[in-house]
Amino acid sequence: MSEPELDLDAMLQRFRERAAAVRTRTLPPVGGEERQRFIDQAQNDFQDFAIIGDADASLDDGVLTLRIDLGGGSEG
């Protein structure tokens, strides 16, 4: 049985969708420190998903490489 091929575009799209879902997620009815922890975790989730969703991905000889521009997209 052969392994399924990794669809890099679909993988990156799922990360973009996860980032969008975090942004539109409603806050549960919690207050105080629990609320702040939830907000902080949501920000971290959004950042992580958005970074990977914006990556350029390649798969060479079984090695997945994500190229991520952290310089704001400016060239030169």
PDB file of N, CA and C in Angstrom:
ATOM      1  N   MET A   1       0.849  -1.181   0.000  1.00  0.00           N
ATOM      2  CA  MET A   1       0.000   0.000   0.000  1.00  0.00           C
ATOM      3  C   MET A   1       0.891   1.239   0.000  1.00  0.00           C
ATOM      4  N   SER A   2       0.667   2.141  -0.935  1.00  0.00           N
ATOM      5  CA  SER A   2       1.497   3.345  -1.022  1.00  0.00           C
ATOM      6  C   SER A   2       0.955   4.426  -0.093  1.00  0.00           C
ATOM      7  N   GLU A   3       1.866   5.297   0.347  1.00  0.00           N
ATOM      8  CA  GLU A   3       1.486   6.394   1.218  1.00  0.00           C
ATOM      9  C   GLU A   3       0.757   7.459   0.401  1.00  0.00           C
ATOM     10  N   PRO A   4      -0.247   8.106   1.009  1.00  0.00           N
ATOM     11  CA  PRO A   4      -0.932   9.184   0.282  1.00  0.00           C
ATOM     12  C   PRO A   4       0.022  10.356   0.063  1.00  0.00           C
ATOM     13  N   GLU A   5      -0.137  11.013  -1.074  1.00  0.00           N
ATOM     14  CA  GLU A   5       0.706  12.162  -1.395  1.00  0.00           C
ATOM     15  C   GLU A   5       0.262  13.366  -0.580  1.00  0.00           C
ATOM     16  N   LEU A   6       1.211  14.133  -0.086  1.00  0.00           N
ATOM     17  CA  LEU A   6       0.920  15.319   0.703  1.00  0.00           C
ATOM     18  C   LEU A   6       0.594  16.469  -0.239  1.00  0.00           C
ATOM     19  N   ASP A   7      -0.603  17.010  -0.113  1.00  0.00           N
ATOM     20  CA  ASP A   7      -1.039  18.149  -0.913  1.00  0.00           C
ATOM     21  C   ASP A   7      -0.664  19.416  -0.137  1.00  0.00           C
ATOM     22  N   LEU A   8       0.453  20.020  -0.504  1.00  0.00           N
ATOM     23  CA  LEU A   8       0.969  21.169   0.238  1.00  0.00           C
ATOM     24  C   LEU A   8       0.023  22.359   0.184  1.00  0.00           C
ATOM     25  N   ASP A   9      -0.572  22.622  -0.972  1.00  0.00           N
ATOM     26  CA  ASP A   9      -1.497  23.746  -1.089  1.00  0.00           C
ATOM     27  C   ASP A   9      -2.700  23.549  -0.170  1.00  0.00           C
ATOM     28  N   ALA A  10      -3.217  22.338  -0.117  1.00  0.00           N
ATOM     29  CA  ALA A  10      -4.363  22.054   0.743  1.00  0.00           C
ATOM     30  C   ALA A  10      -3.965  22.175   2.218  1.00  0.00           C
ATOM     31  N   MET A  11      -2.765  21.726   2.567  1.00  0.00           N
ATOM     32  CA  MET A  11      -2.295  21.838   3.945  1.00  0.00           C
ATOM     33  C   MET A  11      -2.206  23.306   4.356  1.00  0.00           C
ATOM     34  N   LEU A  12      -1.606  24.126   3.503  1.00  0.00           N
ATOM     35  CA  LEU A  12      -1.480  25.545   3.822  1.00  0.00           C
ATOM     36  C   LEU A  12      -2.847  26.216   3.899  1.00  0.00           C
ATOM     37  N   GLN A  13      -3.776  25.807   3.044  1.00  0.00           N
ATOM     38  CA  GLN A  13      -5.136  26.355   3.087  1.00  0.00           C
ATOM     39  C   GLN A  13      -5.805  26.009   4.414  1.00  0.00           C
ATOM     40  N   ARG A  14      -5.589  24.795   4.918  1.00  0.00           N
ATOM     41  CA  ARG A  14      -6.170  24.428   6.211  1.00  0.00           C
ATOM     42  C   ARG A  14      -5.627  25.315   7.323  1.00  0.00           C
ATOM     43  N   PHE A  15      -4.347  25.656   7.273  1.00  0.00           N
ATOM     44  CA  PHE A  15      -3.784  26.549   8.284  1.00  0.00           C
ATOM     45  C   PHE A  15      -4.384  27.955   8.166  1.00  0.00           C
ATOM     46  N   ARG A  16      -4.607  28.433   6.937  1.00  0.00           N
ATOM     47  CA  ARG A  16      -5.254  29.736   6.762  1.00  0.00           C
ATOM     48  C   ARG A  16      -6.671  29.708   7.327  1.00  0.00           C
ATOM     49  N   GLU A  17      -7.378  28.602   7.095  1.00  0.00           N
ATOM     50  CA  GLU A  17      -8.739  28.468   7.622  1.00  0.00           C
ATOM     51  C   GLU A  17      -8.734  28.409   9.150  1.00  0.00           C
ATOM     52  N   ARG A  18      -7.744  27.736   9.724  1.00  0.00           N
ATOM     53  CA  ARG A  18      -7.645  27.684  11.190  1.00  0.00           C
ATOM     54  C   ARG A  18      -7.384  29.071  11.760  1.00  0.00           C
ATOM     55  N   ALA A  19      -6.532  29.836  11.109  1.00  0.00           N
ATOM     56  CA  ALA A  19      -6.254  31.199  11.578  1.00  0.00           C
ATOM     57  C   ALA A  19      -7.533  32.026  11.550  1.00  0.00           C
ATOM     58  N   ALA A  20      -8.296  31.920  10.465  1.00  0.00           N
ATOM     59  CA  ALA A  20      -9.549  32.664  10.355  1.00  0.00           C
ATOM     60  C   ALA A  20     -10.547  32.214  11.416  1.00  0.00           C
ATOM     61  N   ALA A  21     -10.598  30.916  11.699  1.00  0.00           N
ATOM     62  CA  ALA A  21     -11.519  30.397  12.709  1.00  0.00           C
ATOM     63  C   ALA A  21     -11.179  30.919  14.097  1.00  0.00           C
ATOM     64  N   VAL A  22      -9.888  31.038  14.388  1.00  0.00           N
ATOM     65  CA  VAL A  22      -9.481  31.568  15.692  1.00  0.00           C
ATOM     66  C   VAL A  22      -9.931  33.015  15.817  1.00  0.00           C
ATOM     67  N   ARG A  23      -9.797  33.778  14.747  1.00  0.00           N
ATOM     68  CA  ARG A  23     -10.182  35.197  14.765  1.00  0.00           C
ATOM     69  C   ARG A  23     -11.678  35.378  15.012  1.00  0.00           C
ATOM     70  N   THR A  24     -12.492  34.447  14.560  1.00  0.00           N
ATOM     71  CA  THR A  24     -13.940  34.596  14.700  1.00  0.00           C
ATOM     72  C   THR A  24     -14.511  33.785  15.860  1.00  0.00           C
ATOM     73  N   ARG A  25     -13.651  33.102  16.595  1.00  0.00           N
ATOM     74  CA  ARG A  25     -14.087  32.288  17.738  1.00  0.00           C
ATOM     75  C   ARG A  25     -14.655  33.195  18.828  1.00  0.00           C
ATOM     76  N   THR A  26     -15.772  32.785  19.403  1.00  0.00           N
ATOM     77  CA  THR A  26     -16.364  33.561  20.487  1.00  0.00           C
ATOM     78  C   THR A  26     -15.726  33.179  21.815  1.00  0.00           C
ATOM     79  N   LEU A  27     -15.728  34.120  22.736  1.00  0.00           N
ATOM     80  CA  LEU A  27     -15.179  33.864  24.067  1.00  0.00           C
ATOM     81  C   LEU A  27     -16.165  33.054  24.889  1.00  0.00           C
ATOM     82  N   PRO A  28     -15.667  32.048  25.596  1.00  0.00           N
ATOM     83  CA  PRO A  28     -16.567  31.312  26.485  1.00  0.00           C
ATOM     84  C   PRO A  28     -16.930  32.187  27.686  1.00  0.00           C
ATOM     85  N   PRO A  29     -17.964  31.821  28.404  1.00  0.00           N
ATOM     86  CA  PRO A  29     -18.380  32.635  29.559  1.00  0.00           C
ATOM     87  C   PRO A  29     -17.452  32.439  30.761  1.00  0.00           C
ATOM     88  N   VAL A  30     -16.248  32.941  30.633  1.00  0.00           N
ATOM     89  CA  VAL A  30     -15.277  32.880  31.725  1.00  0.00           C
ATOM     90  C   VAL A  30     -14.825  34.297  32.030  1.00  0.00           C
ATOM     91  N   GLY A  31     -14.307  34.476  33.222  1.00  0.00           N
ATOM     92  CA  GLY A  31     -13.856  35.806  33.595  1.00  0.00           C
ATOM     93  C   GLY A  31     -12.493  35.762  34.240  1.00  0.00           C
ATOM     94  N   GLY A  32     -11.994  36.941  34.523  1.00  0.00           N
ATOM     95  CA  GLY A  32     -10.734  37.079  35.242  1.00  0.00           C
ATOM     96  C   GLY A  32      -9.545  36.469  34.533  1.00  0.00           C
ATOM     97  N   GLU A  33      -8.737  35.743  35.299  1.00  0.00           N
ATOM     98  CA  GLU A  33      -7.504  35.154  34.765  1.00  0.00           C
ATOM     99  C   GLU A  33      -7.785  34.123  33.684  1.00  0.00           C
ATOM    100  N   GLU A  34      -8.869  33.338  33.833  1.00  0.00           N
ATOM    101  CA  GLU A  34      -9.204  32.331  32.815  1.00  0.00           C
ATOM    102  C   GLU A  34      -9.496  33.002  31.480  1.00  0.00           C
ATOM    103  N   ARG A  35     -10.197  34.099  31.521  1.00  0.00           N
ATOM    104  CA  ARG A  35     -10.522  34.844  30.289  1.00  0.00           C
ATOM    105  C   ARG A  35      -9.245  35.321  29.614  1.00  0.00           C
ATOM    106  N   GLN A  36      -8.328  35.886  30.395  1.00  0.00           N
ATOM    107  CA  GLN A  36      -7.082  36.387  29.822  1.00  0.00           C
ATOM    108  C   GLN A  36      -6.251  35.250  29.237  1.00  0.00           C
ATOM    109  N   ARG A  37      -6.220  34.111  29.919  1.00  0.00           N
ATOM    110  CA  ARG A  37      -5.480  32.951  29.376  1.00  0.00           C
ATOM    111  C   ARG A  37      -6.089  32.508  28.050  1.00  0.00           C
ATOM    112  N   PHE A  38      -7.413  32.504  27.966  1.00  0.00           N
ATOM    113  CA  PHE A  38      -8.086  32.124  26.729  1.00  0.00           C
ATOM    114  C   PHE A  38      -7.727  33.101  25.610  1.00  0.00           C
ATOM    115  N   ILE A  39      -7.766  34.389  25.907  1.00  0.00           N
ATOM    116  CA  ILE A  39      -7.425  35.416  24.915  1.00  0.00           C
ATOM    117  C   ILE A  39      -5.975  35.275  24.470  1.00  0.00           C
ATOM    118  N   ASP A  40      -5.073  35.074  25.424  1.00  0.00           N
ATOM    119  CA  ASP A  40      -3.651  34.907  25.090  1.00  0.00           C
ATOM    120  C   ASP A  40      -3.432  33.678  24.218  1.00  0.00           C
ATOM    121  N   GLN A  41      -4.098  32.563  24.547  1.00  0.00           N
ATOM    122  CA  GLN A  41      -3.948  31.342  23.754  1.00  0.00           C
ATOM    123  C   GLN A  41      -4.506  31.539  22.354  1.00  0.00           C
ATOM    124  N   ALA A  42      -5.629  32.242  22.240  1.00  0.00           N
ATOM    125  CA  ALA A  42      -6.208  32.508  20.920  1.00  0.00           C
ATOM    126  C   ALA A  42      -5.248  33.328  20.067  1.00  0.00           C
ATOM    127  N   GLN A  43      -4.579  34.307  20.666  1.00  0.00           N
ATOM    128  CA  GLN A  43      -3.614  35.120  19.918  1.00  0.00           C
ATOM    129  C   GLN A  43      -2.448  34.269  19.438  1.00  0.00           C
ATOM    130  N   ASN A  44      -1.944  33.391  20.321  1.00  0.00           N
ATOM    131  CA  ASN A  44      -0.846  32.494  19.928  1.00  0.00           C
ATOM    132  C   ASN A  44      -1.281  31.542  18.828  1.00  0.00           C
ATOM    133  N   ASP A  45      -2.498  30.981  18.954  1.00  0.00           N
ATOM    134  CA  ASP A  45      -3.006  30.080  17.915  1.00  0.00           C
ATOM    135  C   ASP A  45      -3.102  30.806  16.581  1.00  0.00           C
ATOM    136  N   PHE A  46      -3.688  32.007  16.597  1.00  0.00           N
ATOM    137  CA  PHE A  46      -3.827  32.768  15.355  1.00  0.00           C
ATOM    138  C   PHE A  46      -2.459  33.025  14.726  1.00  0.00           C
ATOM    139  N   GLN A  47      -1.514  33.483  15.529  1.00  0.00           N
ATOM    140  CA  GLN A  47      -0.175  33.788  15.010  1.00  0.00           C
ATOM    141  C   GLN A  47       0.471  32.561  14.392  1.00  0.00           C
ATOM    142  N   ASP A  48       0.425  31.439  15.091  1.00  0.00           N
ATOM    143  CA  ASP A  48       1.047  30.215  14.586  1.00  0.00           C
ATOM    144  C   ASP A  48       0.387  29.749  13.289  1.00  0.00           C
ATOM    145  N   PHE A  49      -0.949  29.693  13.281  1.00  0.00           N
ATOM    146  CA  PHE A  49      -1.655  29.236  12.085  1.00  0.00           C
ATOM    147  C   PHE A  49      -1.434  30.195  10.918  1.00  0.00           C
ATOM    148  N   ALA A  50      -1.452  31.496  11.174  1.00  0.00           N
ATOM    149  CA  ALA A  50      -1.274  32.481  10.109  1.00  0.00           C
ATOM    150  C   ALA A  50       0.135  32.412   9.526  1.00  0.00           C
ATOM    151  N   ILE A  51       1.140  32.246  10.368  1.00  0.00           N
ATOM    152  CA  ILE A  51       2.520  32.154   9.879  1.00  0.00           C
ATOM    153  C   ILE A  51       2.671  30.962   8.952  1.00  0.00           C
ATOM    154  N   ILE A  52       2.183  29.805   9.379  1.00  0.00           N
ATOM    155  CA  ILE A  52       2.313  28.616   8.534  1.00  0.00           C
ATOM    156  C   ILE A  52       1.447  28.754   7.288  1.00  0.00           C
ATOM    157  N   GLY A  53       0.254  29.333   7.426  1.00  0.00           N
ATOM    158  CA  GLY A  53      -0.617  29.521   6.269  1.00  0.00           C
ATOM    159  C   GLY A  53      -0.014  30.416   5.204  1.00  0.00           C
ATOM    160  N   ASP A  54       0.867  31.334   5.602  1.00  0.00           N
ATOM    161  CA  ASP A  54       1.516  32.245   4.656  1.00  0.00           C
ATOM    162  C   ASP A  54       2.831  31.708   4.099  1.00  0.00           C
ATOM    163  N   ALA A  55       3.224  30.521   4.521  1.00  0.00           N
ATOM    164  CA  ALA A  55       4.513  29.957   4.105  1.00  0.00           C
ATOM    165  C   ALA A  55       4.487  29.487   2.658  1.00  0.00           C
ATOM    166  N   ASP A  56       5.668  29.428   2.073  1.00  0.00           N
ATOM    167  CA  ASP A  56       5.873  28.721   0.810  1.00  0.00           C
ATOM    168  C   ASP A  56       6.391  27.348   1.196  1.00  0.00           C
ATOM    169  N   ALA A  57       5.744  26.298   0.711  1.00  0.00           N
ATOM    170  CA  ALA A  57       6.100  24.943   1.113  1.00  0.00           C
ATOM    171  C   ALA A  57       6.663  24.162  -0.057  1.00  0.00           C
ATOM    172  N   SER A  58       7.616  23.291   0.264  1.00  0.00           N
ATOM    173  CA  SER A  58       8.142  22.369  -0.740  1.00  0.00           C
ATOM    174  C   SER A  58       8.450  21.045  -0.062  1.00  0.00           C
ATOM    175  N   LEU A  59       8.383  19.991  -0.832  1.00  0.00           N
ATOM    176  CA  LEU A  59       8.678  18.654  -0.346  1.00  0.00           C
ATOM    177  C   LEU A  59       9.721  18.060  -1.275  1.00  0.00           C
ATOM    178  N   ASP A  60      10.924  17.896  -0.759  1.00  0.00           N
ATOM    179  CA  ASP A  60      12.034  17.382  -1.556  1.00  0.00           C
ATOM    180  C   ASP A  60      12.671  16.202  -0.835  1.00  0.00           C
ATOM    181  N   ASP A  61      12.674  15.042  -1.484  1.00  0.00           N
ATOM    182  CA  ASP A  61      13.262  13.829  -0.923  1.00  0.00           C
ATOM    183  C   ASP A  61      12.720  13.525   0.467  1.00  0.00           C
ATOM    184  N   GLY A  62      11.416  13.736   0.649  1.00  0.00           N
ATOM    185  CA  GLY A  62      10.774  13.421   1.912  1.00  0.00           C
ATOM    186  C   GLY A  62      10.946  14.456   3.005  1.00  0.00           C
ATOM    187  N   VAL A  63      11.543  15.603   2.674  1.00  0.00           N
ATOM    188  CA  VAL A  63      11.755  16.662   3.659  1.00  0.00           C
ATOM    189  C   VAL A  63      10.824  17.822   3.334  1.00  0.00           C
ATOM    190  N   LEU A  64       9.930  18.126   4.290  1.00  0.00           N
ATOM    191  CA  LEU A  64       9.025  19.254   4.142  1.00  0.00           C
ATOM    192  C   LEU A  64       9.749  20.511   4.590  1.00  0.00           C
ATOM    193  N   THR A  65       9.797  21.507   3.700  1.00  0.00           N
ATOM    194  CA  THR A  65      10.436  22.778   4.015  1.00  0.00           C
ATOM    195  C   THR A  65       9.389  23.877   3.905  1.00  0.00           C
ATOM    196  N   LEU A  66       9.292  24.676   4.974  1.00  0.00           N
ATOM    197  CA  LEU A  66       8.407  25.833   4.969  1.00  0.00           C
ATOM    198  C   LEU A  66       9.284  27.073   4.960  1.00  0.00           C
ATOM    199  N   ARG A  67       9.127  27.897   3.934  1.00  0.00           N
ATOM    200  CA  ARG A  67       9.873  29.142   3.826  1.00  0.00           C
ATOM    201  C   ARG A  67       8.934  30.263   4.242  1.00  0.00           C
ATOM    202  N   ILE A  68       9.319  30.978   5.309  1.00  0.00           N
ATOM    203  CA  ILE A  68       8.451  31.979   5.898  1.00  0.00           C
ATOM    204  C   ILE A  68       9.186  33.313   5.946  1.00  0.00           C
ATOM    205  N   ASP A  69       8.605  34.314   5.293  1.00  0.00           N
ATOM    206  CA  ASP A  69       9.193  35.658   5.287  1.00  0.00           C
ATOM    207  C   ASP A  69       8.732  36.393   6.537  1.00  0.00           C
ATOM    208  N   LEU A  70       9.616  36.572   7.501  1.00  0.00           N
ATOM    209  CA  LEU A  70       9.282  37.287   8.730  1.00  0.00           C
ATOM    210  C   LEU A  70       9.685  38.743   8.656  1.00  0.00           C
ATOM    211  N   GLY A  71      10.160  39.180   7.472  1.00  0.00           N
ATOM    212  CA  GLY A  71      10.603  40.551   7.304  1.00  0.00           C
ATOM    213  C   GLY A  71       9.513  41.483   6.809  1.00  0.00           C
ATOM    214  N   GLY A  72       8.282  41.079   6.848  1.00  0.00           N
ATOM    215  CA  GLY A  72       7.201  41.961   6.421  1.00  0.00           C
ATOM    216  C   GLY A  72       6.966  41.950   4.932  1.00  0.00           C
ATOM    217  N   GLY A  73       7.619  41.057   4.213  1.00  0.00           N
ATOM    218  CA  GLY A  73       7.387  40.935   2.779  1.00  0.00           C
ATOM    219  C   GLY A  73       8.137  41.903   1.909  1.00  0.00           C
ATOM    220  N   SER A  74       8.978  42.768   2.500  1.00  0.00           N
ATOM    221  CA  SER A  74       9.711  43.726   1.681  1.00  0.00           C
ATOM    222  C   SER A  74      10.943  43.061   1.100  1.00  0.00           C
ATOM    223  N   GLU A  75      11.202  43.340  -0.144  1.00  0.00           N
ATOM    224  CA  GLU A  75      12.381  42.794  -0.840  1.00  0.00           C
ATOM    225  C   GLU A  75      13.527  43.785  -0.753  1.00  0.00           C
ATOM    226  N   GLY A  76      14.748  43.225  -0.672  1.00  0.00           N
ATOM    227  CA  GLY A  76      15.939  44.054  -0.780  1.00  0.00           C
ATOM    228  C   GLY A  76      16.337  44.640   0.463  1.00  0.00           C
TER     229      GLY A  76
END
